[in-house]
Every structure is written in C-alpha cells, then in structure tokens.
Amino acid sequence: MLRSNYKTAIDEAEQVVAPVLGANEELLWSGRPRHGIIFHRMDALLIPFSLVWGGFAVFWEIAVIRAGAPALMALFGLPFVGVGCYMVFGRFLADAARRRRTYYGLTDRRALIVTKAKEALTIKEHRLGSLVHLSVRAKADGSGTIVFGAPHHHPVWLVGTSWPSVGTLPAFEAVDNVHDVHDRLRRAQSGLD
C-alpha cells in the first residue's frame, strides 16, 4: 500500500509539473514532499519556548478577565494569545498545508517548485547552472531535504518551520530517496558543461 501511495504521488507531481516545461525540456524527476506533521531539529527549542509563551499569554488573558480589568486590557492580550496559538500548533498546520500544495520537478535545465492554490500555480524555477551551493539533510529512512543556496542570511535551520515573514532558502523538502534525487540533480548539472 505504501508503495502504491508513493507511485500515485509521483504520477500526480508529473501531471502538475509537465505542463510548465519548456520546449524540448526533459523531465528527469518529479515528486512531492511528505504530507502531515513534520518535526524539525529546531523544534527542540521552539516547542518549549512556544509552550511558555502560549501558556503565559493565556494565563495573562484569564487573569485580566477574572480581575474585571478594562476591556482594553483584555484586548491587549489577544494578539499574544493568537501568536501563542500559532507557535504551539498553527505553524505545524500551516507547514503541512503548504507541503500538501507543493510539487517538485527536476529537468535537464531547471529545478522547479510548483505550488498549487485552487486554479492558480506559482512556479519557482532555479536554473541548474546557478545552483552552486547545495546541502542535503538525510534521515535514516532515506528521506530528506535538498536546500538550494548558501545559508548566508537565510537561516537554514528554519527551512520548513513556517514562520511568517522569515525568508527561507528554496528546497526540495521532505522528499523520499533524497540521495537519488541529489544524484540526478548533480548528473543534470554535469550535463550542462
């Protein structure tokens, strides 16, 4: 059953990516990120911090309401409760929703990240010749992430954590057989010489 789901995901990715290919462009690989909730290394720090933040914000809000403080004080705490809720569980849901709409393609010329939203497609393309810095993070099960670019001002450890307004490097995130995909990418790059 797992193999069948994997094959279905590849076929679906190919159906989404194939129409955006250029003339005489060959699709070498297509895939999708894994679905569901994914924990990242940085969550070892972010989860305790978010629980403290969210707990304090809720405690503050309850204390203000019970004390009969002015409505302005209760309203003041609501944004902090909202941020706490996002930090505790909302970011995981946002990340899972983003990955559910994401498709990857590797051609003989480009690495494509296609995001599907209703009837619109957002296409981010990265020319293979411009991908100088690649880093691979693999898990024991063979899945992993290929990050495109040097981590100069982008925090690589935030890839996939879905923090609003935090720019992250483009990546083939949470893909199966990450070393195979990386090898295909490197072979495609060497074919450009």
Protein backbone atom coordinates (compact mmCIF):
# COMPACT_ATOMS: atom_id res chain seq x y z
CA MET A 1 0.00 0.00 0.00
CA LEU A 2 2.83 2.40 0.88
CA ARG A 3 4.49 1.77 -2.48
CA SER A 4 1.17 2.45 -4.24
CA ASN A 5 0.81 5.81 -2.45
CA TYR A 6 4.39 6.69 -3.40
CA LYS A 7 3.73 5.89 -7.07
CA THR A 8 0.49 7.91 -7.00
CA ALA A 9 2.34 10.94 -5.56
CA ILE A 10 4.95 10.73 -8.34
CA ASP A 11 2.27 10.48 -11.05
CA GLU A 12 0.36 13.42 -9.56
CA ALA A 13 3.56 15.51 -9.39
CA GLU A 14 4.34 14.70 -13.01
CA GLN A 15 0.84 15.79 -14.09
CA VAL A 16 1.29 19.16 -12.34
CA VAL A 17 4.90 19.80 -13.42
CA ALA A 18 4.78 18.56 -17.04
CA PRO A 19 2.64 21.45 -18.39
CA VAL A 20 5.17 24.05 -17.19
CA LEU A 21 8.09 22.55 -19.09
CA GLY A 22 9.67 24.47 -21.93
CA ALA A 23 10.13 23.27 -25.48
CA ASN A 24 12.49 20.27 -25.64
CA GLU A 25 12.88 20.29 -21.86
CA GLU A 26 13.13 16.80 -20.37
CA LEU A 27 11.60 15.95 -17.00
CA LEU A 28 14.16 13.84 -15.12
CA TRP A 29 12.32 13.52 -11.79
CA SER A 30 9.13 14.72 -10.16
CA GLY A 31 7.90 14.31 -6.64
CA ARG A 32 6.16 15.76 -3.64
CA PRO A 33 7.14 16.48 -0.08
CA ARG A 34 5.88 14.15 2.58
CA HIS A 35 2.49 15.08 4.00
CA GLY A 36 1.41 15.51 7.58
CA ILE A 37 3.09 16.99 10.61
CA ILE A 38 6.88 17.04 10.43
CA PHE A 39 9.12 17.97 13.31
CA HIS A 40 12.41 19.73 12.60
CA ARG A 41 15.60 19.90 14.66
CA MET A 42 14.83 23.45 15.72
CA ASP A 43 11.56 22.28 17.30
CA ALA A 44 13.58 21.01 20.25
CA LEU A 45 13.93 24.70 21.18
CA LEU A 46 10.82 26.16 19.57
CA ILE A 47 8.29 23.82 21.21
CA PRO A 48 9.28 24.60 24.83
CA PHE A 49 9.51 28.32 24.01
CA SER A 50 6.11 28.31 22.32
CA LEU A 51 4.52 26.46 25.26
CA VAL A 52 5.92 29.03 27.71
CA TRP A 53 4.80 31.93 25.50
CA GLY A 54 1.34 30.49 24.84
CA GLY A 55 0.84 29.47 28.48
CA PHE A 56 1.78 32.90 29.76
CA ALA A 57 -0.43 34.65 27.20
CA VAL A 58 -3.44 32.51 28.16
CA PHE A 59 -2.68 32.98 31.88
CA TRP A 60 -2.49 36.77 31.34
CA GLU A 61 -5.76 36.85 29.44
CA ILE A 62 -7.63 34.77 32.05
CA ALA A 63 -6.20 36.85 34.92
CA VAL A 64 -7.23 40.13 33.24
CA ILE A 65 -10.76 38.90 32.57
CA ARG A 66 -11.21 37.49 36.10
CA ALA A 67 -9.90 40.72 37.65
CA GLY A 68 -12.56 42.69 35.81
CA ALA A 69 -9.94 44.88 34.16
CA PRO A 70 -10.97 47.33 31.43
CA ALA A 71 -11.81 45.79 28.04
CA LEU A 72 -8.74 47.44 26.55
CA MET A 73 -6.50 45.28 28.78
CA ALA A 74 -8.30 42.12 27.64
CA LEU A 75 -7.98 43.21 24.01
CA PHE A 76 -4.28 43.94 24.53
CA GLY A 77 -3.62 40.28 25.37
CA LEU A 78 -5.49 38.79 22.40
CA PRO A 79 -2.66 39.23 19.83
CA PHE A 80 -0.27 37.47 22.23
CA VAL A 81 -2.75 34.59 22.61
CA GLY A 82 -3.04 34.43 18.81
CA VAL A 83 0.73 34.34 18.36
CA GLY A 84 0.96 31.69 21.09
CA CYS A 85 -1.64 29.52 19.33
CA TYR A 86 0.26 29.84 16.05
CA MET A 87 3.55 28.96 17.73
CA VAL A 88 2.12 25.97 19.62
CA PHE A 89 0.14 24.30 16.82
CA GLY A 90 -0.68 26.68 13.96
CA ARG A 91 2.76 26.62 12.39
CA PHE A 92 2.62 22.82 12.10
CA LEU A 93 -0.76 23.03 10.35
CA ALA A 94 0.46 25.83 8.05
CA ASP A 95 3.56 23.82 7.15
CA ALA A 96 1.51 20.67 6.43
CA ALA A 97 -0.96 22.67 4.29
CA ARG A 98 1.90 24.28 2.32
CA ARG A 99 3.51 20.90 1.61
CA ARG A 100 0.16 19.41 0.52
CA ARG A 101 0.03 22.02 -2.28
CA THR A 102 3.69 21.65 -3.33
CA TYR A 103 5.15 19.69 -6.26
CA TYR A 104 8.75 19.34 -7.38
CA GLY A 105 10.29 18.80 -10.76
CA LEU A 106 13.85 18.35 -11.95
CA THR A 107 14.52 18.84 -15.64
CA ASP A 108 17.66 18.86 -17.73
CA ARG A 109 17.68 22.68 -17.25
CA ARG A 110 15.85 23.64 -14.06
CA ALA A 111 14.75 22.68 -10.59
CA LEU A 112 11.06 23.57 -10.25
CA ILE A 113 8.99 24.16 -7.14
CA VAL A 114 5.32 24.42 -8.08
CA THR A 115 2.71 25.48 -5.56
CA LYS A 116 -0.90 24.82 -6.46
CA ALA A 117 -3.62 27.01 -4.95
CA LYS A 118 -7.15 26.44 -6.27
CA GLU A 119 -6.78 27.06 -10.02
CA ALA A 120 -3.52 29.05 -9.85
CA LEU A 121 0.04 27.78 -9.98
CA THR A 122 3.05 29.55 -8.52
CA ILE A 123 6.24 28.40 -10.20
CA LYS A 124 9.67 28.99 -8.72
CA GLU A 125 12.41 27.95 -11.07
CA HIS A 126 16.09 27.62 -10.37
CA ARG A 127 18.45 27.22 -13.30
CA LEU A 128 20.74 24.24 -12.74
CA GLY A 129 23.79 26.28 -13.71
CA SER A 130 23.07 28.77 -10.93
CA LEU A 131 22.76 26.14 -8.19
CA VAL A 132 26.28 26.38 -6.84
CA HIS A 133 25.58 25.60 -3.18
CA LEU A 134 23.52 22.51 -2.39
CA SER A 135 23.15 20.92 1.00
CA VAL A 136 21.49 17.61 1.71
CA ARG A 137 19.98 16.65 5.04
CA ALA A 138 19.01 12.98 5.04
CA LYS A 139 17.21 10.88 7.62
CA ALA A 140 17.84 7.21 8.34
CA ASP A 141 14.79 6.19 6.26
CA GLY A 142 16.28 7.80 3.12
CA SER A 143 14.01 10.84 3.07
CA GLY A 144 15.40 14.33 3.42
CA THR A 145 15.77 17.83 2.11
CA ILE A 146 17.97 19.38 -0.59
CA VAL A 147 18.49 23.09 0.11
CA PHE A 148 19.46 25.34 -2.82
CA GLY A 149 21.82 28.14 -1.91
CA ALA A 150 24.32 29.25 0.69
CA PRO A 151 22.95 29.93 4.15
CA HIS A 152 24.40 33.48 4.27
CA HIS A 153 21.46 35.50 5.60
CA HIS A 154 18.82 32.79 5.42
CA PRO A 155 18.50 30.58 8.50
CA VAL A 156 18.79 27.07 7.04
CA TRP A 157 17.51 25.62 10.33
CA LEU A 158 14.16 27.34 9.71
CA VAL A 159 13.50 25.53 6.40
CA GLY A 160 10.01 24.12 6.71
CA THR A 161 9.13 25.71 10.04
CA SER A 162 6.52 28.10 8.52
CA TRP A 163 7.35 31.27 10.40
CA PRO A 164 5.62 34.28 8.83
CA SER A 165 7.94 36.81 7.16
CA VAL A 166 11.03 34.62 7.62
CA GLY A 167 12.69 34.15 4.28
CA THR A 168 13.97 30.65 3.76
CA LEU A 169 16.08 29.13 1.07
CA PRO A 170 14.30 27.22 -1.69
CA ALA A 171 14.44 23.46 -1.21
CA PHE A 172 13.15 20.09 -2.27
CA GLU A 173 11.85 19.47 1.22
CA ALA A 174 10.95 16.14 2.86
CA VAL A 175 11.34 14.07 -0.32
CA ASP A 176 11.73 10.31 -0.43
CA ASN A 177 15.03 8.88 -1.70
CA VAL A 178 16.79 12.22 -1.22
CA HIS A 179 20.23 10.88 -2.22
CA ASP A 180 18.82 9.57 -5.52
CA VAL A 181 17.25 12.98 -6.24
CA HIS A 182 20.52 14.72 -5.34
CA ASP A 183 22.47 12.38 -7.66
CA ARG A 184 20.05 13.09 -10.51
CA LEU A 185 20.42 16.83 -9.90
CA ARG A 186 24.23 16.62 -9.94
CA ARG A 187 24.20 14.48 -13.13
CA ALA A 188 21.88 17.01 -14.79
CA GLN A 189 24.24 19.82 -13.77
CA SER A 190 27.25 17.98 -15.19
CA GLY A 191 25.33 17.52 -18.46
CA LEU A 192 25.26 21.32 -18.85
CA ASP A 193 29.05 21.53 -19.23
